[in-house]
Amino acid sequence: MPAEGRGLSSEPTRKAGRDRRLGNLSTPESVQRLRTALHAKAKDEPGFRFYVLYDKIYRQDVLEHAYACCRANKGAAGVDGLTFEAVEAYGRERWIGELAQQLREESYHPEAVRRVYIPKPNGKQRPLGIPRLADRVCQMAAMLVLEPIFDGRHAI
């Protein structure tokens, strides 16, 4: 049973799904339900092993929300030079669908990061790695799936 004896369709859970925000970006209800279910399972059964999570990462709703989170964070193009504007011109749904297909077929491979140097207050420079857009979206999708599991296991 989910945390605190509530079902996933209870009114407090639905409100929590609407109230969760990243800046002004609200989490879609389907993604919130997935995260709530994963969190509840991890919290209720700390010894449970989650064997199948990869299929959750390439879900269309998870990838769309991951893309929206990455777009909200802004950021520069990676080694491939692809920007959010270029993805929007190409077709966001089409680009996300192709990424999901690569993940589903397990043909997706992350690329090297673009290295830039940013100045520090003491005059030196600090290296910064900028992953390409597809890598950032995949990392965010993985975080959306894994975060509620680890939050549930380490909750006090």
Protein backbone atom coordinates (compact mmCIF):
# COMPACT_ATOMS: atom_id res chain seq x y z
CA MET A 1 0.00 0.00 0.00
CA PRO A 2 1.32 3.50 -0.79
CA ALA A 3 2.73 5.74 1.90
CA GLU A 4 0.45 6.92 4.70
CA GLY A 5 -2.31 4.51 3.67
CA ARG A 6 -3.49 6.59 0.71
CA GLY A 7 -4.21 5.24 -2.71
CA LEU A 8 -2.49 6.83 -5.69
CA SER A 9 -5.75 8.39 -6.75
CA SER A 10 -6.53 10.09 -3.44
CA GLU A 11 -7.22 13.83 -3.37
CA PRO A 12 -4.04 14.73 -1.36
CA THR A 13 -1.89 12.82 -3.86
CA ARG A 14 -3.53 14.55 -6.84
CA LYS A 15 -3.00 17.94 -5.19
CA ALA A 16 0.65 17.11 -4.50
CA GLY A 17 1.06 16.27 -8.19
CA ARG A 18 -0.32 19.68 -9.18
CA ASP A 19 1.72 21.55 -6.57
CA ARG A 20 5.11 20.03 -7.51
CA ARG A 21 6.95 22.56 -9.63
CA LEU A 22 10.37 23.11 -11.13
CA GLY A 23 10.40 26.86 -11.42
CA ASN A 24 7.12 27.49 -13.21
CA LEU A 25 7.15 24.01 -14.77
CA SER A 26 4.60 21.63 -13.28
CA THR A 27 5.14 17.87 -13.35
CA PRO A 28 2.62 16.05 -15.56
CA GLU A 29 0.16 13.91 -13.62
CA SER A 30 1.28 10.66 -15.30
CA VAL A 31 4.92 11.29 -14.34
CA GLN A 32 3.89 12.27 -10.82
CA ARG A 33 1.88 9.04 -10.46
CA LEU A 34 4.90 7.00 -11.59
CA ARG A 35 7.22 8.81 -9.17
CA THR A 36 4.71 8.46 -6.31
CA ALA A 37 4.33 4.72 -6.94
CA LEU A 38 8.11 4.19 -7.07
CA HIS A 39 8.60 6.23 -3.91
CA ALA A 40 5.86 4.39 -2.03
CA LYS A 41 7.24 0.97 -3.02
CA ALA A 42 10.78 1.93 -1.99
CA LYS A 43 9.59 3.37 1.32
CA ASP A 44 7.24 0.50 2.21
CA GLU A 45 9.68 -2.27 1.23
CA PRO A 46 13.28 -1.08 1.70
CA GLY A 47 14.67 -4.47 0.65
CA PHE A 48 12.74 -4.57 -2.63
CA ARG A 49 14.89 -4.78 -5.76
CA PHE A 50 13.76 -2.75 -8.75
CA TYR A 51 14.83 -4.94 -11.65
CA VAL A 52 12.99 -3.23 -14.49
CA LEU A 53 13.38 0.54 -14.60
CA TYR A 54 14.90 1.12 -18.04
CA ASP A 55 11.49 0.95 -19.71
CA LYS A 56 10.32 3.82 -17.51
CA ILE A 57 13.11 6.08 -18.80
CA TYR A 58 12.01 5.94 -22.44
CA ARG A 59 8.33 6.50 -21.72
CA GLN A 60 7.08 9.38 -23.87
CA ASP A 61 5.69 11.36 -20.93
CA VAL A 62 8.92 10.99 -18.92
CA LEU A 63 11.08 12.08 -21.87
CA GLU A 64 8.80 15.03 -22.64
CA HIS A 65 8.98 16.23 -19.04
CA ALA A 66 12.76 15.67 -18.98
CA TYR A 67 13.05 17.76 -22.15
CA ALA A 68 10.92 20.52 -20.60
CA CYS A 69 13.12 20.49 -17.46
CA CYS A 70 16.28 20.73 -19.56
CA ARG A 71 14.79 23.54 -21.64
CA ALA A 72 13.86 25.41 -18.46
CA ASN A 73 17.48 25.08 -17.28
CA LYS A 74 18.61 26.53 -20.62
CA GLY A 75 22.26 25.76 -21.30
CA ALA A 76 24.58 25.75 -24.27
CA ALA A 77 24.86 23.25 -27.11
CA GLY A 78 27.06 20.19 -26.69
CA VAL A 79 29.64 18.77 -29.10
CA ASP A 80 26.98 18.19 -31.76
CA GLY A 81 25.96 21.88 -31.75
CA LEU A 82 22.25 21.06 -31.36
CA THR A 83 20.25 23.78 -29.57
CA PHE A 84 16.70 23.85 -28.20
CA GLU A 85 15.73 26.18 -31.04
CA ALA A 86 16.99 23.65 -33.60
CA VAL A 87 14.98 20.88 -31.90
CA GLU A 88 11.85 23.04 -31.93
CA ALA A 89 12.39 23.78 -35.65
CA TYR A 90 12.93 20.05 -36.34
CA GLY A 91 9.88 19.10 -34.28
CA ARG A 92 10.05 18.46 -30.56
CA GLU A 93 7.72 15.43 -30.61
CA ARG A 94 9.60 13.94 -33.54
CA TRP A 95 12.99 14.46 -31.85
CA ILE A 96 11.76 12.97 -28.55
CA GLY A 97 10.17 10.06 -30.43
CA GLU A 98 13.46 9.30 -32.19
CA LEU A 99 15.34 9.49 -28.88
CA ALA A 100 12.78 7.14 -27.28
CA GLN A 101 13.20 4.72 -30.19
CA GLN A 102 17.01 4.73 -29.77
CA LEU A 103 16.59 4.05 -26.04
CA ARG A 104 14.02 1.31 -26.69
CA GLU A 105 16.29 -0.40 -29.21
CA GLU A 106 19.29 0.13 -26.90
CA SER A 107 21.17 1.82 -29.75
CA TYR A 108 21.55 5.13 -27.87
CA HIS A 109 25.09 5.97 -26.75
CA PRO A 110 26.11 9.17 -24.97
CA GLU A 111 28.72 11.32 -26.69
CA ALA A 112 31.76 13.10 -25.30
CA VAL A 113 31.09 16.39 -23.54
CA ARG A 114 32.14 19.78 -24.86
CA ARG A 115 34.86 21.26 -22.66
CA VAL A 116 34.80 24.99 -21.95
CA TYR A 117 36.65 26.99 -19.34
CA ILE A 118 34.97 29.55 -17.13
CA PRO A 119 36.87 32.19 -15.18
CA LYS A 120 37.19 31.95 -11.40
CA PRO A 121 37.43 35.00 -9.10
CA ASN A 122 41.14 34.35 -8.48
CA GLY A 123 41.95 34.73 -12.21
CA LYS A 124 42.30 31.00 -12.94
CA GLN A 125 39.90 29.03 -15.07
CA ARG A 126 37.66 26.11 -14.17
CA PRO A 127 36.83 23.39 -16.70
CA LEU A 128 33.18 22.79 -17.43
CA GLY A 129 31.77 19.87 -19.42
CA ILE A 130 28.65 20.51 -21.48
CA PRO A 131 26.85 17.32 -22.57
CA ARG A 132 24.83 17.33 -25.78
CA LEU A 133 21.10 17.92 -25.53
CA ALA A 134 20.09 14.25 -25.95
CA ASP A 135 22.46 13.24 -23.14
CA ARG A 136 21.00 15.89 -20.82
CA VAL A 137 17.44 14.73 -21.55
CA CYS A 138 18.37 11.09 -20.91
CA GLN A 139 20.14 12.03 -17.66
CA MET A 140 17.10 14.01 -16.51
CA ALA A 141 14.76 11.13 -17.42
CA ALA A 142 16.93 8.72 -15.42
CA MET A 143 16.91 11.14 -12.48
CA LEU A 144 13.10 11.43 -12.65
CA VAL A 145 12.83 7.63 -12.36
CA LEU A 146 15.61 6.97 -9.83
CA GLU A 147 15.20 9.92 -7.45
CA PRO A 148 11.92 8.79 -5.81
CA ILE A 149 13.39 5.34 -5.15
CA PHE A 150 16.41 6.66 -3.30
CA ASP A 151 14.36 9.32 -1.49
CA GLY A 152 12.00 6.55 -0.30
CA ARG A 153 14.78 4.33 0.98
CA HIS A 154 16.58 7.04 2.90
CA ALA A 155 13.54 8.80 4.31
CA ILE A 156 13.61 9.34 8.04
